[in-house]
Amino acid sequence: MVAASLSMRTPRAAASRCARRIDAGTGAMISIAVAKRSDAGALTALRSAVARDMTREFGEGHWSACPSRSQVLRQLRASHVLVAKHDDEIIGTVRLVRPVLGIFDSSSFTAVDRPLYVLGLAVAAECRGEGIGRLLMEAAKDRVRSSGAQALWLDAYEHRAGAGSFYAKCGFRKVGRVSGELPLGYFEWLAM
């Protein structure tokens, strides 16, 4: 488990729940851990809330899908899911999967034998801008190093809803782009 101290940029009296939970004066700790089956309900609620928030902000899109509890349970079995917690409350998550290289078009990425693909980074709206997403991405990099994988790959919409600039700030390099109705940028981080 990774723990990190966060300091708030907003005053304690700020309106958001995150500002009340993460107190600059106490150096509140955020823990990053592997999700458990018992986290499925909280993960479903968080990801659904993030999808609704993004839909309100950016309109209907691929980001609008709200997962069911059974989908989250399947994802917990089939992938490596990390959660960011403050106390016992899940405030962020990211999922890592092994792409099937014969089926998945990996031509934009550096050729490696054991990549992990980043899916579903989600941070509670009231906690965005407080470093939670960056902590989750650092934990994903730690997972690559500890598992013998060689890279993290991901895609991000080239749209206001996309997070390409965030991933670049986290050390990812843009390696490709797919045009279309909603263009995607491909990003990678190499452990080598």
C-alpha atoms as a PDB file:
ATOM      1  CA  MET A   1       0.000   0.000   0.000  1.00  0.00           C
ATOM      2  CA  VAL A   2       1.251   3.476  -0.925  1.00  0.00           C
ATOM      3  CA  ALA A   3       0.417   6.455   1.276  1.00  0.00           C
ATOM      4  CA  ALA A   4       0.973  10.079   0.457  1.00  0.00           C
ATOM      5  CA  SER A   5       0.481  13.340   2.236  1.00  0.00           C
ATOM      6  CA  LEU A   6      -1.584  15.925   0.402  1.00  0.00           C
ATOM      7  CA  SER A   7      -1.891  19.580   1.140  1.00  0.00           C
ATOM      8  CA  MET A   8      -4.924  21.529   0.030  1.00  0.00           C
ATOM      9  CA  ARG A   9      -4.763  24.671  -2.033  1.00  0.00           C
ATOM     10  CA  THR A  10      -8.211  25.693  -0.810  1.00  0.00           C
ATOM     11  CA  PRO A  11      -9.113  26.846   2.707  1.00  0.00           C
ATOM     12  CA  ARG A  12     -10.597  24.437   5.230  1.00  0.00           C
ATOM     13  CA  ALA A  13     -13.925  26.242   5.047  1.00  0.00           C
ATOM     14  CA  ALA A  14     -14.292  25.533   1.308  1.00  0.00           C
ATOM     15  CA  ALA A  15     -17.616  24.064   0.242  1.00  0.00           C
ATOM     16  CA  SER A  16     -16.422  20.740  -1.178  1.00  0.00           C
ATOM     17  CA  ARG A  17     -16.410  17.536   0.831  1.00  0.00           C
ATOM     18  CA  CYS A  18     -12.834  16.873  -0.229  1.00  0.00           C
ATOM     19  CA  ALA A  19     -11.726  20.199   1.217  1.00  0.00           C
ATOM     20  CA  ARG A  20     -13.329  19.188   4.508  1.00  0.00           C
ATOM     21  CA  ARG A  21     -11.740  15.699   4.404  1.00  0.00           C
ATOM     22  CA  ILE A  22      -8.217  16.555   3.332  1.00  0.00           C
ATOM     23  CA  ASP A  23      -7.062  19.124   5.837  1.00  0.00           C
ATOM     24  CA  ALA A  24      -3.876  21.007   5.055  1.00  0.00           C
ATOM     25  CA  GLY A  25      -3.194  21.478   8.741  1.00  0.00           C
ATOM     26  CA  THR A  26      -3.159  17.762   9.509  1.00  0.00           C
ATOM     27  CA  GLY A  27      -1.350  16.512   6.390  1.00  0.00           C
ATOM     28  CA  ALA A  28      -4.179  14.041   5.795  1.00  0.00           C
ATOM     29  CA  MET A  29      -3.072  10.721   4.326  1.00  0.00           C
ATOM     30  CA  ILE A  30      -4.421   9.225   1.139  1.00  0.00           C
ATOM     31  CA  SER A  31      -3.782   5.519   0.719  1.00  0.00           C
ATOM     32  CA  ILE A  32      -3.550   3.679  -2.582  1.00  0.00           C
ATOM     33  CA  ALA A  33      -4.424  -0.008  -2.445  1.00  0.00           C
ATOM     34  CA  VAL A  34      -5.581  -2.876  -4.631  1.00  0.00           C
ATOM     35  CA  ALA A  35      -9.377  -2.923  -4.735  1.00  0.00           C
ATOM     36  CA  LYS A  36     -11.191  -5.793  -3.046  1.00  0.00           C
ATOM     37  CA  ARG A  37     -14.487  -7.448  -3.900  1.00  0.00           C
ATOM     38  CA  SER A  38     -16.007  -5.594  -0.950  1.00  0.00           C
ATOM     39  CA  ASP A  39     -15.175  -2.304  -2.739  1.00  0.00           C
ATOM     40  CA  ALA A  40     -17.480  -3.086  -5.696  1.00  0.00           C
ATOM     41  CA  GLY A  41     -20.428  -1.030  -4.433  1.00  0.00           C
ATOM     42  CA  ALA A  42     -18.305   2.031  -3.704  1.00  0.00           C
ATOM     43  CA  LEU A  43     -16.478   1.691  -7.034  1.00  0.00           C
ATOM     44  CA  THR A  44     -19.797   1.462  -8.896  1.00  0.00           C
ATOM     45  CA  ALA A  45     -21.072   4.567  -7.105  1.00  0.00           C
ATOM     46  CA  LEU A  46     -17.862   6.546  -7.726  1.00  0.00           C
ATOM     47  CA  ARG A  47     -17.593   5.674 -11.417  1.00  0.00           C
ATOM     48  CA  SER A  48     -21.297   6.380 -11.970  1.00  0.00           C
ATOM     49  CA  ALA A  49     -21.029   9.752 -10.220  1.00  0.00           C
ATOM     50  CA  VAL A  50     -17.974  10.664 -12.324  1.00  0.00           C
ATOM     51  CA  ALA A  51     -19.815   9.629 -15.522  1.00  0.00           C
ATOM     52  CA  ARG A  52     -22.826  11.788 -14.587  1.00  0.00           C
ATOM     53  CA  ASP A  53     -20.557  14.754 -13.703  1.00  0.00           C
ATOM     54  CA  MET A  54     -18.695  14.477 -16.999  1.00  0.00           C
ATOM     55  CA  THR A  55     -21.954  14.230 -18.940  1.00  0.00           C
ATOM     56  CA  ARG A  56     -23.251  17.399 -17.238  1.00  0.00           C
ATOM     57  CA  GLU A  57     -20.007  19.210 -18.026  1.00  0.00           C
ATOM     58  CA  PHE A  58     -19.213  17.911 -21.527  1.00  0.00           C
ATOM     59  CA  GLY A  59     -22.467  16.484 -22.866  1.00  0.00           C
ATOM     60  CA  GLU A  60     -23.301  12.928 -23.814  1.00  0.00           C
ATOM     61  CA  GLY A  61     -20.307  10.820 -24.887  1.00  0.00           C
ATOM     62  CA  HIS A  62     -18.390   7.585 -24.317  1.00  0.00           C
ATOM     63  CA  TRP A  63     -17.620   8.892 -20.809  1.00  0.00           C
ATOM     64  CA  SER A  64     -21.360   8.800 -19.950  1.00  0.00           C
ATOM     65  CA  ALA A  65     -21.594   5.046 -19.323  1.00  0.00           C
ATOM     66  CA  CYS A  66     -22.418   4.108 -15.725  1.00  0.00           C
ATOM     67  CA  PRO A  67     -21.192   0.609 -14.789  1.00  0.00           C
ATOM     68  CA  SER A  68     -23.363  -1.904 -12.993  1.00  0.00           C
ATOM     69  CA  ARG A  69     -22.138  -3.622  -9.839  1.00  0.00           C
ATOM     70  CA  SER A  70     -21.834  -6.892 -11.788  1.00  0.00           C
ATOM     71  CA  GLN A  71     -19.642  -5.176 -14.419  1.00  0.00           C
ATOM     72  CA  VAL A  72     -17.392  -3.821 -11.674  1.00  0.00           C
ATOM     73  CA  LEU A  73     -17.160  -7.274 -10.081  1.00  0.00           C
ATOM     74  CA  ARG A  74     -16.131  -8.765 -13.462  1.00  0.00           C
ATOM     75  CA  GLN A  75     -13.515  -6.027 -13.867  1.00  0.00           C
ATOM     76  CA  LEU A  76     -12.165  -6.742 -10.383  1.00  0.00           C
ATOM     77  CA  ARG A  77     -11.620 -10.372 -11.420  1.00  0.00           C
ATOM     78  CA  ALA A  78     -10.179  -9.609 -14.866  1.00  0.00           C
ATOM     79  CA  SER A  79      -7.899  -6.667 -14.151  1.00  0.00           C
ATOM     80  CA  HIS A  80      -5.787  -4.921 -11.554  1.00  0.00           C
ATOM     81  CA  VAL A  81      -7.913  -2.191  -9.926  1.00  0.00           C
ATOM     82  CA  LEU A  82      -6.310   0.412  -7.694  1.00  0.00           C
ATOM     83  CA  VAL A  83      -8.258   2.675  -5.348  1.00  0.00           C
ATOM     84  CA  ALA A  84      -7.387   5.910  -3.596  1.00  0.00           C
ATOM     85  CA  LYS A  85      -8.926   6.133  -0.148  1.00  0.00           C
ATOM     86  CA  HIS A  86      -9.185   8.815   2.461  1.00  0.00           C
ATOM     87  CA  ASP A  87     -10.013   7.060   5.701  1.00  0.00           C
ATOM     88  CA  ASP A  88     -12.215   4.251   4.356  1.00  0.00           C
ATOM     89  CA  GLU A  89     -13.890   6.238   1.573  1.00  0.00           C
ATOM     90  CA  ILE A  90     -12.905   5.544  -2.040  1.00  0.00           C
ATOM     91  CA  ILE A  91     -12.211   8.874  -3.742  1.00  0.00           C
ATOM     92  CA  GLY A  92     -10.443   7.644  -6.887  1.00  0.00           C
ATOM     93  CA  THR A  93      -9.700   4.581  -8.969  1.00  0.00           C
ATOM     94  CA  VAL A  94      -7.802   3.334 -12.008  1.00  0.00           C
ATOM     95  CA  ARG A  95      -7.871  -0.035 -13.756  1.00  0.00           C
ATOM     96  CA  LEU A  96      -4.948  -1.811 -15.454  1.00  0.00           C
ATOM     97  CA  VAL A  97      -5.417  -4.629 -17.967  1.00  0.00           C
ATOM     98  CA  ARG A  98      -3.136  -6.713 -20.170  1.00  0.00           C
ATOM     99  CA  PRO A  99      -3.985  -5.958 -23.812  1.00  0.00           C
ATOM    100  CA  VAL A 100      -4.345  -8.960 -26.081  1.00  0.00           C
ATOM    101  CA  LEU A 101      -1.542  -8.061 -28.477  1.00  0.00           C
ATOM    102  CA  GLY A 102      -2.744 -10.188 -31.403  1.00  0.00           C
ATOM    103  CA  ILE A 103      -6.204  -8.603 -31.337  1.00  0.00           C
ATOM    104  CA  PHE A 104      -5.413  -5.117 -30.076  1.00  0.00           C
ATOM    105  CA  ASP A 105      -3.821  -2.677 -32.568  1.00  0.00           C
ATOM    106  CA  SER A 106      -0.642  -1.696 -30.757  1.00  0.00           C
ATOM    107  CA  SER A 107       1.115  -0.211 -33.791  1.00  0.00           C
ATOM    108  CA  SER A 108       1.219   3.313 -32.274  1.00  0.00           C
ATOM    109  CA  PHE A 109       3.037   2.106 -29.170  1.00  0.00           C
ATOM    110  CA  THR A 110       6.644   1.079 -28.531  1.00  0.00           C
ATOM    111  CA  ALA A 111       6.918  -2.677 -29.063  1.00  0.00           C
ATOM    112  CA  VAL A 112       7.167  -4.410 -25.679  1.00  0.00           C
ATOM    113  CA  ASP A 113       6.252  -7.922 -24.561  1.00  0.00           C
ATOM    114  CA  ARG A 114       4.379  -7.051 -21.375  1.00  0.00           C
ATOM    115  CA  PRO A 115       2.436  -3.759 -21.433  1.00  0.00           C
ATOM    116  CA  LEU A 116      -0.468  -2.796 -19.202  1.00  0.00           C
ATOM    117  CA  TYR A 117      -3.319  -0.653 -20.515  1.00  0.00           C
ATOM    118  CA  VAL A 118      -4.803   2.079 -18.336  1.00  0.00           C
ATOM    119  CA  LEU A 119      -8.600   2.228 -18.229  1.00  0.00           C
ATOM    120  CA  GLY A 120     -11.165   4.070 -16.170  1.00  0.00           C
ATOM    121  CA  LEU A 121      -9.200   6.675 -14.228  1.00  0.00           C
ATOM    122  CA  ALA A 122     -11.871   8.332 -12.093  1.00  0.00           C
ATOM    123  CA  VAL A 123     -11.587  10.816  -9.232  1.00  0.00           C
ATOM    124  CA  ALA A 124     -14.523  12.133  -7.214  1.00  0.00           C
ATOM    125  CA  ALA A 125     -15.475  15.592  -8.509  1.00  0.00           C
ATOM    126  CA  GLU A 126     -14.904  17.230  -5.139  1.00  0.00           C
ATOM    127  CA  CYS A 127     -11.362  15.815  -5.007  1.00  0.00           C
ATOM    128  CA  ARG A 128     -10.158  16.776  -8.487  1.00  0.00           C
ATOM    129  CA  GLY A 129      -7.168  19.060  -8.584  1.00  0.00           C
ATOM    130  CA  GLU A 130      -5.847  17.724  -5.279  1.00  0.00           C
ATOM    131  CA  GLY A 131      -3.312  15.246  -6.699  1.00  0.00           C
ATOM    132  CA  ILE A 132      -5.413  12.069  -6.392  1.00  0.00           C
ATOM    133  CA  GLY A 133      -5.189  11.216 -10.107  1.00  0.00           C
ATOM    134  CA  ARG A 134      -1.426  11.767 -10.074  1.00  0.00           C
ATOM    135  CA  LEU A 135      -1.073   9.452  -7.033  1.00  0.00           C
ATOM    136  CA  LEU A 136      -3.075   6.770  -8.840  1.00  0.00           C
ATOM    137  CA  MET A 137      -0.906   7.077 -11.952  1.00  0.00           C
ATOM    138  CA  GLU A 138       2.273   6.845  -9.840  1.00  0.00           C
ATOM    139  CA  ALA A 139       0.846   3.708  -8.198  1.00  0.00           C
ATOM    140  CA  ALA A 140       0.121   2.316 -11.691  1.00  0.00           C
ATOM    141  CA  LYS A 141       3.785   2.908 -12.599  1.00  0.00           C
ATOM    142  CA  ASP A 142       4.809   1.110  -9.395  1.00  0.00           C
ATOM    143  CA  ARG A 143       2.598  -1.815 -10.462  1.00  0.00           C
ATOM    144  CA  VAL A 144       4.389  -1.956 -13.831  1.00  0.00           C
ATOM    145  CA  ARG A 145       7.769  -2.052 -12.110  1.00  0.00           C
ATOM    146  CA  SER A 146       6.759  -4.691  -9.540  1.00  0.00           C
ATOM    147  CA  SER A 147       4.939  -6.967 -11.993  1.00  0.00           C
ATOM    148  CA  GLY A 148       7.648  -7.189 -14.626  1.00  0.00           C
ATOM    149  CA  ALA A 149       5.534  -5.288 -17.144  1.00  0.00           C
ATOM    150  CA  GLN A 150       7.410  -2.839 -19.342  1.00  0.00           C
ATOM    151  CA  ALA A 151       4.989  -0.058 -20.190  1.00  0.00           C
ATOM    152  CA  LEU A 152       1.710   1.675 -19.487  1.00  0.00           C
ATOM    153  CA  TRP A 153      -0.370   2.457 -22.553  1.00  0.00           C
ATOM    154  CA  LEU A 154      -3.554   4.512 -22.680  1.00  0.00           C
ATOM    155  CA  ASP A 155      -5.773   6.577 -24.901  1.00  0.00           C
ATOM    156  CA  ALA A 156      -7.387   9.946 -24.216  1.00  0.00           C
ATOM    157  CA  TYR A 157     -10.044  11.797 -26.155  1.00  0.00           C
ATOM    158  CA  GLU A 158      -8.877  14.900 -27.968  1.00  0.00           C
ATOM    159  CA  HIS A 159     -11.869  16.751 -26.631  1.00  0.00           C
ATOM    160  CA  ARG A 160     -12.558  18.977 -23.652  1.00  0.00           C
ATOM    161  CA  ALA A 161     -13.442  15.783 -21.760  1.00  0.00           C
ATOM    162  CA  GLY A 162     -10.064  14.228 -22.584  1.00  0.00           C
ATOM    163  CA  ALA A 163      -7.143  14.120 -20.177  1.00  0.00           C
ATOM    164  CA  GLY A 164      -4.176  14.077 -22.561  1.00  0.00           C
ATOM    165  CA  SER A 165      -2.510  17.089 -20.947  1.00  0.00           C
ATOM    166  CA  PHE A 166      -2.916  15.474 -17.507  1.00  0.00           C
ATOM    167  CA  TYR A 167      -1.204  12.289 -18.706  1.00  0.00           C
ATOM    168  CA  ALA A 168       1.621  14.315 -20.259  1.00  0.00           C
ATOM    169  CA  LYS A 169       2.163  16.001 -16.869  1.00  0.00           C
ATOM    170  CA  CYS A 170       2.347  12.503 -15.353  1.00  0.00           C
ATOM    171  CA  GLY A 171       5.261  11.603 -17.617  1.00  0.00           C
ATOM    172  CA  PHE A 172       3.398   9.952 -20.503  1.00  0.00           C
ATOM    173  CA  ARG A 173       4.471  10.627 -24.087  1.00  0.00           C
ATOM    174  CA  LYS A 174       1.974  11.030 -26.917  1.00  0.00           C
ATOM    175  CA  VAL A 175       2.775   8.384 -29.529  1.00  0.00           C
ATOM    176  CA  GLY A 176      -0.149   8.451 -31.920  1.00  0.00           C
ATOM    177  CA  ARG A 177      -3.591   9.637 -32.853  1.00  0.00           C
ATOM    178  CA  VAL A 178      -6.713   8.158 -34.379  1.00  0.00           C
ATOM    179  CA  SER A 179      -9.000  10.516 -36.299  1.00  0.00           C
ATOM    180  CA  GLY A 180     -12.741  10.222 -36.393  1.00  0.00           C
ATOM    181  CA  GLU A 181     -15.872  11.708 -34.906  1.00  0.00           C
ATOM    182  CA  LEU A 182     -14.117  11.870 -31.549  1.00  0.00           C
ATOM    183  CA  PRO A 183     -10.317  11.677 -32.109  1.00  0.00           C
ATOM    184  CA  LEU A 184      -8.155   9.737 -29.661  1.00  0.00           C
ATOM    185  CA  GLY A 185      -4.571  10.389 -28.669  1.00  0.00           C
ATOM    186  CA  TYR A 186      -2.393   7.424 -27.677  1.00  0.00           C
ATOM    187  CA  PHE A 187       0.059   7.850 -24.783  1.00  0.00           C
ATOM    188  CA  GLU A 188       2.682   5.605 -23.233  1.00  0.00           C
ATOM    189  CA  TRP A 189       5.033   5.487 -20.271  1.00  0.00           C
ATOM    190  CA  LEU A 190       7.999   3.118 -20.506  1.00  0.00           C
ATOM    191  CA  ALA A 191       9.541   1.488 -17.444  1.00  0.00           C
ATOM    192  CA  MET A 192      12.815   0.851 -19.285  1.00  0.00           C
END
